[in-house]
Amino acid sequence: MVEFEQNDLGLVDYLHCESIGEPGQRTFNITARSDRGEVVVWMEKEQLFQVGISLKQFLATRQTPSNPSTFDAPVIETQVPVHVEFKTSEMSLRHDSESDVFTIVASDDNNEKSDDDPRLEVTFSFKRPQADEISKKAIDVVAAGRKPCPLCTAPLDPRVGHFCVKVNGYNPTENPINEEPREK
């Protein structure tokens, strides 16, 4: 049976996402910090994009309660601050409509560990203004990568050219339609 090492930061006061590296070689993370500690959750670009889009959808479809209740963070067994950094394989997002608080749960990929190592899971919660801010930031961070091909929308790599299916193959130019971009 796989054991879980669970860490709950409760309501965080710092929430940030970023990418590190050059476009095409970037890695992505979300950092969350509270008085209970700090976590850095590394993830794939698509995962960060889904966090941003999912939060945006939650915000658009969930009304702000007129009188939100207080958020009750789970009781923790130790008062020692946790400092965790790992690559996630699974993430989930939930919304408590009574307190209007969003929660992300991220767990690691136990396939790379031995059977004796516990599976890691972190949970952190944040309020609506932070959800709005991190959703915009996540989408911006993902979009700041390589420009898409104007024909097939695949990412362009200026170092090696582009194999565009719309022009039936390799095109050594960065812009497969060989036109200068129009100024608006």
C-alpha atoms as a PDB file:
ATOM      1  CA  MET A   1       0.000   0.000   0.000  1.00  0.00           C
ATOM      2  CA  VAL A   2       1.325   3.436  -0.943  1.00  0.00           C
ATOM      3  CA  GLU A   3       1.598   5.877   1.938  1.00  0.00           C
ATOM      4  CA  PHE A   4       0.943   9.594   1.553  1.00  0.00           C
ATOM      5  CA  GLU A   5       2.961  12.430   3.009  1.00  0.00           C
ATOM      6  CA  GLN A   6       0.341  15.159   3.107  1.00  0.00           C
ATOM      7  CA  ASN A   7       1.118  18.843   3.573  1.00  0.00           C
ATOM      8  CA  ASP A   8      -1.574  21.499   3.821  1.00  0.00           C
ATOM      9  CA  LEU A   9      -0.484  25.136   3.724  1.00  0.00           C
ATOM     10  CA  GLY A  10      -3.989  26.341   4.479  1.00  0.00           C
ATOM     11  CA  LEU A  11      -4.821  29.808   3.172  1.00  0.00           C
ATOM     12  CA  VAL A  12      -1.720  31.171   1.413  1.00  0.00           C
ATOM     13  CA  ASP A  13      -0.613  34.792   1.426  1.00  0.00           C
ATOM     14  CA  TYR A  14       1.766  34.425  -1.542  1.00  0.00           C
ATOM     15  CA  LEU A  15       0.922  32.696  -4.823  1.00  0.00           C
ATOM     16  CA  HIS A  16       3.066  32.987  -7.958  1.00  0.00           C
ATOM     17  CA  CYS A  17       3.692  31.093 -11.182  1.00  0.00           C
ATOM     18  CA  GLU A  18       6.607  31.354 -13.583  1.00  0.00           C
ATOM     19  CA  SER A  19       8.587  29.661 -16.298  1.00  0.00           C
ATOM     20  CA  ILE A  20      12.328  29.208 -16.265  1.00  0.00           C
ATOM     21  CA  GLY A  21      14.422  28.742 -19.383  1.00  0.00           C
ATOM     22  CA  GLU A  22      14.302  29.638 -23.057  1.00  0.00           C
ATOM     23  CA  PRO A  23      11.141  29.097 -25.134  1.00  0.00           C
ATOM     24  CA  GLY A  24      11.008  25.469 -26.185  1.00  0.00           C
ATOM     25  CA  GLN A  25      13.104  24.442 -23.173  1.00  0.00           C
ATOM     26  CA  ARG A  26      11.079  25.992 -20.349  1.00  0.00           C
ATOM     27  CA  THR A  27       9.979  24.453 -17.075  1.00  0.00           C
ATOM     28  CA  PHE A  28       6.975  25.761 -15.150  1.00  0.00           C
ATOM     29  CA  ASN A  29       6.060  26.071 -11.493  1.00  0.00           C
ATOM     30  CA  ILE A  30       3.627  27.471  -8.968  1.00  0.00           C
ATOM     31  CA  THR A  31       4.991  28.716  -5.650  1.00  0.00           C
ATOM     32  CA  ALA A  32       2.677  29.028  -2.661  1.00  0.00           C
ATOM     33  CA  ARG A  33       3.623  30.381   0.775  1.00  0.00           C
ATOM     34  CA  SER A  34       1.827  30.736   4.101  1.00  0.00           C
ATOM     35  CA  ASP A  35       2.769  30.754   7.774  1.00  0.00           C
ATOM     36  CA  ARG A  36       2.741  26.939   7.545  1.00  0.00           C
ATOM     37  CA  GLY A  37       5.577  26.894   4.989  1.00  0.00           C
ATOM     38  CA  GLU A  38       6.297  27.018   1.277  1.00  0.00           C
ATOM     39  CA  VAL A  39       5.823  24.682  -1.674  1.00  0.00           C
ATOM     40  CA  VAL A  40       7.188  24.864  -5.200  1.00  0.00           C
ATOM     41  CA  VAL A  41       5.208  22.619  -7.537  1.00  0.00           C
ATOM     42  CA  TRP A  42       6.927  21.971 -10.881  1.00  0.00           C
ATOM     43  CA  MET A  43       4.678  20.968 -13.773  1.00  0.00           C
ATOM     44  CA  GLU A  44       4.297  20.654 -17.512  1.00  0.00           C
ATOM     45  CA  LYS A  45       3.219  23.648 -19.587  1.00  0.00           C
ATOM     46  CA  GLU A  46      -0.165  22.077 -20.284  1.00  0.00           C
ATOM     47  CA  GLN A  47      -0.801  21.619 -16.564  1.00  0.00           C
ATOM     48  CA  LEU A  48      -0.118  25.287 -15.826  1.00  0.00           C
ATOM     49  CA  PHE A  49      -2.334  26.264 -18.755  1.00  0.00           C
ATOM     50  CA  GLN A  50      -5.147  24.069 -17.392  1.00  0.00           C
ATOM     51  CA  VAL A  51      -4.809  25.658 -13.945  1.00  0.00           C
ATOM     52  CA  GLY A  52      -5.162  29.100 -15.552  1.00  0.00           C
ATOM     53  CA  ILE A  53      -8.110  28.142 -17.755  1.00  0.00           C
ATOM     54  CA  SER A  54      -9.886  26.205 -15.002  1.00  0.00           C
ATOM     55  CA  LEU A  55      -9.590  29.090 -12.564  1.00  0.00           C
ATOM     56  CA  LYS A  56     -10.849  31.489 -15.224  1.00  0.00           C
ATOM     57  CA  GLN A  57     -13.879  29.237 -15.794  1.00  0.00           C
ATOM     58  CA  PHE A  58     -14.519  28.878 -12.056  1.00  0.00           C
ATOM     59  CA  LEU A  59     -14.379  32.652 -11.638  1.00  0.00           C
ATOM     60  CA  ALA A  60     -16.763  33.232 -14.547  1.00  0.00           C
ATOM     61  CA  THR A  61     -19.325  30.654 -13.433  1.00  0.00           C
ATOM     62  CA  ARG A  62     -19.260  30.976  -9.642  1.00  0.00           C
ATOM     63  CA  GLN A  63     -20.900  33.983  -8.008  1.00  0.00           C
ATOM     64  CA  THR A  64     -19.149  35.827  -5.212  1.00  0.00           C
ATOM     65  CA  PRO A  65     -21.191  35.142  -2.075  1.00  0.00           C
ATOM     66  CA  SER A  66     -22.709  38.252  -0.530  1.00  0.00           C
ATOM     67  CA  ASN A  67     -21.599  37.212   2.950  1.00  0.00           C
ATOM     68  CA  PRO A  68     -18.828  34.586   2.679  1.00  0.00           C
ATOM     69  CA  SER A  69     -18.166  32.397   5.706  1.00  0.00           C
ATOM     70  CA  THR A  70     -14.681  32.107   7.163  1.00  0.00           C
ATOM     71  CA  PHE A  71     -12.439  29.463   5.648  1.00  0.00           C
ATOM     72  CA  ASP A  72     -11.545  26.673   8.063  1.00  0.00           C
ATOM     73  CA  ALA A  73      -8.101  25.334   7.221  1.00  0.00           C
ATOM     74  CA  PRO A  74      -7.504  21.738   8.310  1.00  0.00           C
ATOM     75  CA  VAL A  75      -5.745  21.262  11.627  1.00  0.00           C
ATOM     76  CA  ILE A  76      -2.083  20.322  11.224  1.00  0.00           C
ATOM     77  CA  GLU A  77      -0.205  17.962  13.501  1.00  0.00           C
ATOM     78  CA  THR A  78       3.060  19.881  13.656  1.00  0.00           C
ATOM     79  CA  GLN A  79       3.905  23.545  13.926  1.00  0.00           C
ATOM     80  CA  VAL A  80       7.195  23.117  12.017  1.00  0.00           C
ATOM     81  CA  PRO A  81       6.966  24.981   8.671  1.00  0.00           C
ATOM     82  CA  VAL A  82       7.132  22.719   5.649  1.00  0.00           C
ATOM     83  CA  HIS A  83       9.415  23.421   2.677  1.00  0.00           C
ATOM     84  CA  VAL A  84       8.624  21.148  -0.249  1.00  0.00           C
ATOM     85  CA  GLU A  85       9.666  21.217  -3.909  1.00  0.00           C
ATOM     86  CA  PHE A  86       8.613  18.511  -6.357  1.00  0.00           C
ATOM     87  CA  LYS A  87       7.279  17.735  -9.843  1.00  0.00           C
ATOM     88  CA  THR A  88       3.579  16.988  -9.881  1.00  0.00           C
ATOM     89  CA  SER A  89       1.847  14.319 -11.890  1.00  0.00           C
ATOM     90  CA  GLU A  90      -1.704  14.941 -10.717  1.00  0.00           C
ATOM     91  CA  MET A  91      -3.486  18.160  -9.826  1.00  0.00           C
ATOM     92  CA  SER A  92      -7.029  19.017  -8.855  1.00  0.00           C
ATOM     93  CA  LEU A  93      -8.869  22.253  -8.235  1.00  0.00           C
ATOM     94  CA  ARG A  94     -11.892  22.824  -6.050  1.00  0.00           C
ATOM     95  CA  HIS A  95     -13.977  25.767  -4.902  1.00  0.00           C
ATOM     96  CA  ASP A  96     -15.706  26.206  -1.556  1.00  0.00           C
ATOM     97  CA  SER A  97     -18.739  28.292  -2.478  1.00  0.00           C
ATOM     98  CA  GLU A  98     -19.552  29.206   1.133  1.00  0.00           C
ATOM     99  CA  SER A  99     -16.173  30.813   1.871  1.00  0.00           C
ATOM    100  CA  ASP A 100     -15.345  31.610  -1.781  1.00  0.00           C
ATOM    101  CA  VAL A 101     -11.932  29.956  -1.398  1.00  0.00           C
ATOM    102  CA  PHE A 102     -10.162  27.953  -4.111  1.00  0.00           C
ATOM    103  CA  THR A 103      -7.927  24.968  -3.320  1.00  0.00           C
ATOM    104  CA  ILE A 104      -5.283  23.199  -5.403  1.00  0.00           C
ATOM    105  CA  VAL A 105      -4.168  19.681  -4.528  1.00  0.00           C
ATOM    106  CA  ALA A 106      -0.986  18.446  -6.225  1.00  0.00           C
ATOM    107  CA  SER A 107       0.653  15.040  -5.853  1.00  0.00           C
ATOM    108  CA  ASP A 108       3.919  13.688  -7.154  1.00  0.00           C
ATOM    109  CA  ASP A 109       4.648  10.829  -9.512  1.00  0.00           C
ATOM    110  CA  ASN A 110       5.471   7.859  -7.311  1.00  0.00           C
ATOM    111  CA  ASN A 111       6.710   5.789 -10.298  1.00  0.00           C
ATOM    112  CA  GLU A 112      10.199   7.284  -9.968  1.00  0.00           C
ATOM    113  CA  LYS A 113      10.462   6.458  -6.259  1.00  0.00           C
ATOM    114  CA  SER A 114      11.102   3.209  -4.496  1.00  0.00           C
ATOM    115  CA  ASP A 115       8.185   1.401  -2.886  1.00  0.00           C
ATOM    116  CA  ASP A 116       9.357   2.547   0.559  1.00  0.00           C
ATOM    117  CA  ASP A 117       9.044   6.259  -0.265  1.00  0.00           C
ATOM    118  CA  PRO A 118       5.690   7.833   0.575  1.00  0.00           C
ATOM    119  CA  ARG A 119       3.724   9.604  -2.131  1.00  0.00           C
ATOM    120  CA  LEU A 120       3.773  13.371  -1.616  1.00  0.00           C
ATOM    121  CA  GLU A 121       0.632  15.487  -1.698  1.00  0.00           C
ATOM    122  CA  VAL A 122       0.365  19.224  -1.051  1.00  0.00           C
ATOM    123  CA  THR A 123      -2.733  21.333  -0.639  1.00  0.00           C
ATOM    124  CA  PHE A 124      -2.991  25.107  -0.623  1.00  0.00           C
ATOM    125  CA  SER A 125      -5.948  27.451  -0.685  1.00  0.00           C
ATOM    126  CA  PHE A 126      -6.412  31.018  -1.860  1.00  0.00           C
ATOM    127  CA  LYS A 127      -9.068  33.698  -2.136  1.00  0.00           C
ATOM    128  CA  ARG A 128     -10.868  34.990  -5.248  1.00  0.00           C
ATOM    129  CA  PRO A 129      -8.525  37.976  -5.945  1.00  0.00           C
ATOM    130  CA  GLN A 130      -5.525  35.618  -5.870  1.00  0.00           C
ATOM    131  CA  ALA A 131      -7.394  33.162  -8.129  1.00  0.00           C
ATOM    132  CA  ASP A 132      -8.042  35.938 -10.637  1.00  0.00           C
ATOM    133  CA  GLU A 133      -4.418  37.067 -10.527  1.00  0.00           C
ATOM    134  CA  ILE A 134      -2.890  33.580 -10.845  1.00  0.00           C
ATOM    135  CA  SER A 135      -5.257  32.598 -13.688  1.00  0.00           C
ATOM    136  CA  LYS A 136      -4.167  35.622 -15.738  1.00  0.00           C
ATOM    137  CA  LYS A 137      -0.508  35.102 -14.864  1.00  0.00           C
ATOM    138  CA  ALA A 138      -0.594  31.380 -15.756  1.00  0.00           C
ATOM    139  CA  ILE A 139      -2.112  32.070 -19.172  1.00  0.00           C
ATOM    140  CA  ASP A 140       0.411  34.872 -19.812  1.00  0.00           C
ATOM    141  CA  VAL A 141       3.377  32.704 -18.754  1.00  0.00           C
ATOM    142  CA  VAL A 142       2.328  29.879 -21.079  1.00  0.00           C
ATOM    143  CA  ALA A 143       1.658  32.289 -23.966  1.00  0.00           C
ATOM    144  CA  ALA A 144       5.094  33.896 -23.625  1.00  0.00           C
ATOM    145  CA  GLY A 145       6.758  30.917 -25.308  1.00  0.00           C
ATOM    146  CA  ARG A 146       7.386  30.296 -28.980  1.00  0.00           C
ATOM    147  CA  LYS A 147       5.196  32.059 -31.522  1.00  0.00           C
ATOM    148  CA  PRO A 148       2.609  29.829 -33.218  1.00  0.00           C
ATOM    149  CA  CYS A 149       2.689  29.118 -36.950  1.00  0.00           C
ATOM    150  CA  PRO A 150       0.026  31.308 -38.569  1.00  0.00           C
ATOM    151  CA  LEU A 151      -1.172  28.346 -40.657  1.00  0.00           C
ATOM    152  CA  CYS A 152      -1.093  25.257 -38.443  1.00  0.00           C
ATOM    153  CA  THR A 153      -0.662  26.913 -34.992  1.00  0.00           C
ATOM    154  CA  ALA A 154       2.200  24.577 -34.031  1.00  0.00           C
ATOM    155  CA  PRO A 155       4.999  26.333 -32.102  1.00  0.00           C
ATOM    156  CA  LEU A 156       7.715  27.785 -34.342  1.00  0.00           C
ATOM    157  CA  ASP A 157      11.336  27.010 -33.517  1.00  0.00           C
ATOM    158  CA  PRO A 158      13.603  29.598 -35.178  1.00  0.00           C
ATOM    159  CA  ARG A 159      16.694  27.408 -34.641  1.00  0.00           C
ATOM    160  CA  VAL A 160      15.584  24.481 -36.785  1.00  0.00           C
ATOM    161  CA  GLY A 161      12.877  25.817 -39.074  1.00  0.00           C
ATOM    162  CA  HIS A 162       9.331  24.537 -39.188  1.00  0.00           C
ATOM    163  CA  PHE A 163       7.674  21.484 -40.678  1.00  0.00           C
ATOM    164  CA  CYS A 164       4.237  22.881 -41.498  1.00  0.00           C
ATOM    165  CA  VAL A 165       1.561  20.423 -42.555  1.00  0.00           C
ATOM    166  CA  LYS A 166      -0.382  23.230 -44.269  1.00  0.00           C
ATOM    167  CA  VAL A 167       2.417  23.850 -46.795  1.00  0.00           C
ATOM    168  CA  ASN A 168       3.087  20.129 -47.137  1.00  0.00           C
ATOM    169  CA  GLY A 169       6.399  19.998 -45.367  1.00  0.00           C
ATOM    170  CA  TYR A 170       9.537  21.766 -44.402  1.00  0.00           C
ATOM    171  CA  ASN A 171       9.735  25.514 -44.770  1.00  0.00           C
ATOM    172  CA  PRO A 172      13.031  27.048 -43.582  1.00  0.00           C
ATOM    173  CA  THR A 173      11.502  30.426 -42.841  1.00  0.00           C
ATOM    174  CA  GLU A 174      10.024  31.338 -39.510  1.00  0.00           C
ATOM    175  CA  ASN A 175       6.839  32.525 -41.217  1.00  0.00           C
ATOM    176  CA  PRO A 176       5.553  29.789 -43.573  1.00  0.00           C
ATOM    177  CA  ILE A 177       3.375  32.160 -45.601  1.00  0.00           C
ATOM    178  CA  ASN A 178       6.407  34.321 -46.480  1.00  0.00           C
ATOM    179  CA  GLU A 179       4.675  37.557 -45.716  1.00  0.00           C
ATOM    180  CA  GLU A 180       5.736  40.273 -43.414  1.00  0.00           C
ATOM    181  CA  PRO A 181       3.409  40.569 -40.448  1.00  0.00           C
ATOM    182  CA  ARG A 182       0.875  43.314 -40.963  1.00  0.00           C
ATOM    183  CA  GLU A 183       0.969  46.198 -38.547  1.00  0.00           C
ATOM    184  CA  LYS A 184      -2.267  47.028 -36.826  1.00  0.00           C
END
